[in-house]
Amino acid sequence: MYSHTQLAQQHIADLHAQADAHRLAAEARPPRSELRTRVGWTLVELGLRLAAAPAGTKPALV
């Protein structure tokens, strides 16, 4: 029974270490570019316009 407790404690310590490493890596990552965000939303809007266009018509692009 004692070995199970030790294994569980070691596993918990490993999980905490992985969480800390992930947190540090996420903080070190550069912030997302505003241009990248705007281009992404523009592509989403374009895709929605194309999907909602009636068959046989061309959607108006803004």
N, C-alpha and C. Protein backbone atom coordinates (compact mmCIF):
# COMPACT_ATOMS: atom_id res chain seq x y z
N MET A 1 0.82 -1.18 0.00
CA MET A 1 0.00 0.00 0.00
C MET A 1 0.88 1.26 0.00
N TYR A 2 1.97 1.22 0.69
CA TYR A 2 2.87 2.37 0.79
C TYR A 2 3.44 2.72 -0.59
N SER A 3 3.74 1.70 -1.39
CA SER A 3 4.30 1.97 -2.73
C SER A 3 3.28 2.65 -3.63
N HIS A 4 1.99 2.32 -3.46
CA HIS A 4 0.94 2.99 -4.24
C HIS A 4 0.87 4.47 -3.89
N THR A 5 1.02 4.79 -2.63
CA THR A 5 1.00 6.18 -2.19
C THR A 5 2.18 6.94 -2.77
N GLN A 6 3.35 6.31 -2.75
CA GLN A 6 4.53 6.94 -3.32
C GLN A 6 4.36 7.18 -4.82
N LEU A 7 3.83 6.18 -5.53
CA LEU A 7 3.61 6.32 -6.96
C LEU A 7 2.60 7.44 -7.26
N ALA A 8 1.54 7.50 -6.47
CA ALA A 8 0.54 8.54 -6.67
C ALA A 8 1.13 9.91 -6.42
N GLN A 9 1.93 10.06 -5.38
CA GLN A 9 2.56 11.34 -5.08
C GLN A 9 3.54 11.75 -6.18
N GLN A 10 4.28 10.78 -6.71
CA GLN A 10 5.21 11.06 -7.79
C GLN A 10 4.46 11.50 -9.05
N HIS A 11 3.35 10.81 -9.32
CA HIS A 11 2.54 11.15 -10.49
C HIS A 11 1.98 12.57 -10.35
N ILE A 12 1.50 12.92 -9.18
CA ILE A 12 0.98 14.26 -8.92
C ILE A 12 2.08 15.30 -9.11
N ALA A 13 3.26 15.02 -8.60
CA ALA A 13 4.39 15.94 -8.76
C ALA A 13 4.74 16.12 -10.24
N ASP A 14 4.70 15.03 -11.01
CA ASP A 14 4.96 15.12 -12.44
C ASP A 14 3.91 15.97 -13.15
N LEU A 15 2.66 15.79 -12.79
CA LEU A 15 1.59 16.58 -13.39
C LEU A 15 1.75 18.07 -13.07
N HIS A 16 2.11 18.37 -11.85
CA HIS A 16 2.34 19.76 -11.47
C HIS A 16 3.51 20.36 -12.26
N ALA A 17 4.56 19.59 -12.44
CA ALA A 17 5.72 20.07 -13.20
C ALA A 17 5.34 20.31 -14.66
N GLN A 18 4.55 19.43 -15.24
CA GLN A 18 4.11 19.61 -16.63
C GLN A 18 3.22 20.85 -16.75
N ALA A 19 2.34 21.06 -15.78
CA ALA A 19 1.46 22.23 -15.80
C ALA A 19 2.28 23.51 -15.69
N ASP A 20 3.29 23.52 -14.83
CA ASP A 20 4.15 24.69 -14.69
C ASP A 20 4.92 24.97 -15.98
N ALA A 21 5.43 23.91 -16.61
CA ALA A 21 6.16 24.08 -17.86
C ALA A 21 5.24 24.63 -18.95
N HIS A 22 4.03 24.12 -19.01
CA HIS A 22 3.07 24.60 -20.00
C HIS A 22 2.71 26.07 -19.75
N ARG A 23 2.50 26.41 -18.52
CA ARG A 23 2.17 27.79 -18.15
C ARG A 23 3.30 28.75 -18.53
N LEU A 24 4.54 28.36 -18.25
CA LEU A 24 5.69 29.20 -18.61
C LEU A 24 5.83 29.34 -20.12
N ALA A 25 5.61 28.25 -20.85
CA ALA A 25 5.70 28.31 -22.31
C ALA A 25 4.61 29.21 -22.88
N ALA A 26 3.41 29.15 -22.33
CA ALA A 26 2.31 29.99 -22.81
C ALA A 26 2.59 31.45 -22.53
N GLU A 27 3.19 31.76 -21.41
CA GLU A 27 3.52 33.15 -21.08
C GLU A 27 4.64 33.69 -21.97
N ALA A 28 5.55 32.83 -22.40
CA ALA A 28 6.68 33.25 -23.22
C ALA A 28 6.29 33.42 -24.69
N ARG A 29 5.17 32.83 -25.10
CA ARG A 29 4.72 32.91 -26.48
C ARG A 29 4.35 34.36 -26.81
N PRO A 30 4.77 34.84 -27.99
CA PRO A 30 4.42 36.22 -28.34
C PRO A 30 2.91 36.36 -28.54
N PRO A 31 2.37 37.54 -28.27
CA PRO A 31 0.93 37.74 -28.46
C PRO A 31 0.55 37.62 -29.93
N ARG A 32 -0.70 37.24 -30.16
CA ARG A 32 -1.16 37.09 -31.54
C ARG A 32 -1.21 38.43 -32.24
N SER A 33 -0.89 38.38 -33.49
CA SER A 33 -0.87 39.60 -34.29
C SER A 33 -2.29 40.09 -34.56
N GLU A 34 -2.48 41.39 -34.48
CA GLU A 34 -3.79 41.96 -34.78
C GLU A 34 -4.14 41.72 -36.24
N LEU A 35 -3.14 41.82 -37.12
CA LEU A 35 -3.38 41.59 -38.54
C LEU A 35 -3.86 40.15 -38.78
N ARG A 36 -3.23 39.21 -38.11
CA ARG A 36 -3.63 37.81 -38.26
C ARG A 36 -5.08 37.62 -37.84
N THR A 37 -5.48 38.26 -36.76
CA THR A 37 -6.85 38.15 -36.28
C THR A 37 -7.82 38.76 -37.28
N ARG A 38 -7.50 39.95 -37.80
CA ARG A 38 -8.39 40.59 -38.77
C ARG A 38 -8.52 39.78 -40.04
N VAL A 39 -7.41 39.23 -40.54
CA VAL A 39 -7.46 38.42 -41.75
C VAL A 39 -8.30 37.17 -41.51
N GLY A 40 -8.14 36.57 -40.35
CA GLY A 40 -8.92 35.37 -40.03
C GLY A 40 -10.41 35.65 -40.01
N TRP A 41 -10.83 36.73 -39.36
CA TRP A 41 -12.26 37.06 -39.31
C TRP A 41 -12.79 37.46 -40.68
N THR A 42 -11.96 38.10 -41.49
CA THR A 42 -12.37 38.44 -42.85
C THR A 42 -12.63 37.18 -43.67
N LEU A 43 -11.76 36.20 -43.52
CA LEU A 43 -11.96 34.92 -44.22
C LEU A 43 -13.22 34.20 -43.74
N VAL A 44 -13.49 34.27 -42.44
CA VAL A 44 -14.71 33.66 -41.91
C VAL A 44 -15.93 34.35 -42.51
N GLU A 45 -15.92 35.68 -42.55
CA GLU A 45 -17.05 36.42 -43.11
C GLU A 45 -17.25 36.09 -44.58
N LEU A 46 -16.16 36.02 -45.33
CA LEU A 46 -16.24 35.67 -46.74
C LEU A 46 -16.83 34.28 -46.93
N GLY A 47 -16.37 33.33 -46.12
CA GLY A 47 -16.90 31.97 -46.21
C GLY A 47 -18.38 31.92 -45.90
N LEU A 48 -18.83 32.68 -44.91
CA LEU A 48 -20.25 32.71 -44.58
C LEU A 48 -21.06 33.32 -45.71
N ARG A 49 -20.54 34.35 -46.35
CA ARG A 49 -21.25 34.94 -47.48
C ARG A 49 -21.36 33.96 -48.63
N LEU A 50 -20.29 33.24 -48.90
CA LEU A 50 -20.32 32.26 -49.99
C LEU A 50 -21.29 31.12 -49.67
N ALA A 51 -21.32 30.69 -48.42
CA ALA A 51 -22.20 29.59 -48.04
C ALA A 51 -23.66 30.00 -48.05
N ALA A 52 -23.95 31.28 -47.76
CA ALA A 52 -25.32 31.75 -47.68
C ALA A 52 -25.86 32.25 -49.01
N ALA A 53 -25.02 32.36 -50.04
CA ALA A 53 -25.45 32.88 -51.33
C ALA A 53 -26.39 31.88 -52.01
N PRO A 54 -27.49 32.36 -52.58
CA PRO A 54 -28.39 31.47 -53.31
C PRO A 54 -27.67 30.86 -54.51
N ALA A 55 -28.08 29.69 -54.90
CA ALA A 55 -27.45 29.00 -56.04
C ALA A 55 -27.61 29.84 -57.29
N GLY A 56 -26.54 29.95 -58.06
CA GLY A 56 -26.58 30.66 -59.33
C GLY A 56 -26.31 32.15 -59.23
N THR A 57 -26.07 32.68 -58.05
CA THR A 57 -25.76 34.10 -57.91
C THR A 57 -24.37 34.25 -57.33
N LYS A 58 -23.79 35.36 -57.61
CA LYS A 58 -22.47 35.66 -57.07
C LYS A 58 -22.65 36.58 -55.86
N PRO A 59 -22.01 36.30 -54.75
CA PRO A 59 -22.15 37.18 -53.58
C PRO A 59 -21.40 38.49 -53.81
N ALA A 60 -21.93 39.56 -53.27
CA ALA A 60 -21.28 40.86 -53.34
C ALA A 60 -20.13 40.89 -52.36
N LEU A 61 -18.95 41.19 -52.85
CA LEU A 61 -17.79 41.27 -51.98
C LEU A 61 -17.57 42.71 -51.56
N VAL A 62 -17.33 42.91 -50.30
CA VAL A 62 -17.13 44.26 -49.77
C VAL A 62 -15.66 44.47 -49.55
